[in-house]
Amino acid sequence: MKQRKNSWCAARVRENLRLLCKTRPSIASVCRDLDLNRVQFNRYMSGHSFPKPNVLQQICDYFLVDSRIYLEP
């Protein structure tokens, strides 16, 4: 059950992060602005990894959204 929940969360983050990134010039610019490693950010965007709480907050602050947006359809 936990694996299913984690995959659902990762899928939601992936979809919503992709939508938000479309509002910026490029993924590279987002990574530079956030000072995040591009490889790790790609893992978030592919759904293979979920950001730690502090990184999730940093991403939310950057896009001016609440962290719940990542988990909502």
C-alpha atoms as a PDB file:
ATOM      1  CA  MET A   1       0.000   0.000   0.000  1.00  0.00           C
ATOM      2  CA  LYS A   2       2.799   2.430   0.868  1.00  0.00           C
ATOM      3  CA  GLN A   3       4.469   1.872  -2.528  1.00  0.00           C
ATOM      4  CA  ARG A   4       1.193   2.657  -4.283  1.00  0.00           C
ATOM      5  CA  LYS A   5       0.760   5.879  -2.279  1.00  0.00           C
ATOM      6  CA  ASN A   6       4.353   6.933  -2.959  1.00  0.00           C
ATOM      7  CA  SER A   7       4.000   6.326  -6.685  1.00  0.00           C
ATOM      8  CA  TRP A   8       0.747   8.309  -6.719  1.00  0.00           C
ATOM      9  CA  CYS A   9       2.442  11.237  -4.925  1.00  0.00           C
ATOM     10  CA  ALA A  10       5.455  11.126  -7.219  1.00  0.00           C
ATOM     11  CA  ALA A  11       3.162  11.106 -10.263  1.00  0.00           C
ATOM     12  CA  ARG A  12       1.268  14.166  -8.991  1.00  0.00           C
ATOM     13  CA  VAL A  13       4.491  16.029  -8.250  1.00  0.00           C
ATOM     14  CA  ARG A  14       5.812  15.114 -11.697  1.00  0.00           C
ATOM     15  CA  GLU A  15       2.704  16.378 -13.507  1.00  0.00           C
ATOM     16  CA  ASN A  16       2.331  19.571 -11.506  1.00  0.00           C
ATOM     17  CA  LEU A  17       6.032  20.423 -11.553  1.00  0.00           C
ATOM     18  CA  ARG A  18       6.057  20.069 -15.336  1.00  0.00           C
ATOM     19  CA  LEU A  19       3.105  22.429 -15.623  1.00  0.00           C
ATOM     20  CA  LEU A  20       4.773  25.016 -13.411  1.00  0.00           C
ATOM     21  CA  CYS A  21       8.077  24.752 -15.255  1.00  0.00           C
ATOM     22  CA  LYS A  22       6.320  25.591 -18.509  1.00  0.00           C
ATOM     23  CA  THR A  23       5.852  29.103 -17.107  1.00  0.00           C
ATOM     24  CA  ARG A  24       9.628  29.626 -17.094  1.00  0.00           C
ATOM     25  CA  PRO A  25      12.083  29.989 -19.993  1.00  0.00           C
ATOM     26  CA  SER A  26      13.766  26.612 -19.383  1.00  0.00           C
ATOM     27  CA  ILE A  27      14.365  23.845 -16.860  1.00  0.00           C
ATOM     28  CA  ALA A  28      17.982  24.945 -16.688  1.00  0.00           C
ATOM     29  CA  SER A  29      16.934  28.443 -15.629  1.00  0.00           C
ATOM     30  CA  VAL A  30      14.684  27.018 -12.905  1.00  0.00           C
ATOM     31  CA  CYS A  31      17.557  24.902 -11.584  1.00  0.00           C
ATOM     32  CA  ARG A  32      19.925  27.879 -11.627  1.00  0.00           C
ATOM     33  CA  ASP A  33      17.403  30.119  -9.877  1.00  0.00           C
ATOM     34  CA  LEU A  34      16.776  27.487  -7.202  1.00  0.00           C
ATOM     35  CA  ASP A  35      20.435  26.444  -6.985  1.00  0.00           C
ATOM     36  CA  LEU A  36      19.381  22.823  -7.448  1.00  0.00           C
ATOM     37  CA  ASN A  37      21.283  20.100  -9.222  1.00  0.00           C
ATOM     38  CA  ARG A  38      19.779  19.526 -12.680  1.00  0.00           C
ATOM     39  CA  VAL A  39      20.078  15.739 -12.410  1.00  0.00           C
ATOM     40  CA  GLN A  40      18.189  15.685  -9.108  1.00  0.00           C
ATOM     41  CA  PHE A  41      15.560  18.086 -10.458  1.00  0.00           C
ATOM     42  CA  ASN A  42      15.077  15.763 -13.432  1.00  0.00           C
ATOM     43  CA  ARG A  43      14.410  12.951 -10.968  1.00  0.00           C
ATOM     44  CA  TYR A  44      11.614  15.025  -9.436  1.00  0.00           C
ATOM     45  CA  MET A  45      10.227  15.780 -12.891  1.00  0.00           C
ATOM     46  CA  SER A  46      10.338  12.137 -13.936  1.00  0.00           C
ATOM     47  CA  GLY A  47       8.680  10.940 -10.731  1.00  0.00           C
ATOM     48  CA  HIS A  48      11.668   8.831  -9.687  1.00  0.00           C
ATOM     49  CA  SER A  49      12.292  10.921  -6.602  1.00  0.00           C
ATOM     50  CA  PHE A  50      10.322  13.152  -4.250  1.00  0.00           C
ATOM     51  CA  PRO A  51      11.817  16.409  -2.936  1.00  0.00           C
ATOM     52  CA  LYS A  52      12.718  16.625   0.726  1.00  0.00           C
ATOM     53  CA  PRO A  53      10.492  19.025   2.684  1.00  0.00           C
ATOM     54  CA  ASN A  54      12.987  21.894   2.610  1.00  0.00           C
ATOM     55  CA  VAL A  55      13.516  21.540  -1.141  1.00  0.00           C
ATOM     56  CA  LEU A  56       9.779  21.263  -1.745  1.00  0.00           C
ATOM     57  CA  GLN A  57       9.303  24.493   0.208  1.00  0.00           C
ATOM     58  CA  GLN A  58      12.029  26.172  -1.832  1.00  0.00           C
ATOM     59  CA  ILE A  59      10.310  25.104  -5.066  1.00  0.00           C
ATOM     60  CA  CYS A  60       6.926  26.290  -3.776  1.00  0.00           C
ATOM     61  CA  ASP A  61       8.340  29.662  -2.785  1.00  0.00           C
ATOM     62  CA  TYR A  62       9.918  30.037  -6.213  1.00  0.00           C
ATOM     63  CA  PHE A  63       6.671  29.345  -8.056  1.00  0.00           C
ATOM     64  CA  LEU A  64       4.591  31.200  -5.442  1.00  0.00           C
ATOM     65  CA  VAL A  65       2.376  28.195  -4.733  1.00  0.00           C
ATOM     66  CA  ASP A  66       1.326  26.217  -1.682  1.00  0.00           C
ATOM     67  CA  SER A  67       2.906  22.782  -1.334  1.00  0.00           C
ATOM     68  CA  ARG A  68      -0.533  21.181  -1.568  1.00  0.00           C
ATOM     69  CA  ILE A  69      -0.657  22.113  -5.251  1.00  0.00           C
ATOM     70  CA  TYR A  70       1.871  19.387  -5.949  1.00  0.00           C
ATOM     71  CA  LEU A  71      -0.448  16.717  -4.635  1.00  0.00           C
ATOM     72  CA  GLU A  72      -3.691  17.923  -6.160  1.00  0.00           C
ATOM     73  CA  PRO A  73      -4.851  16.882  -9.631  1.00  0.00           C
END
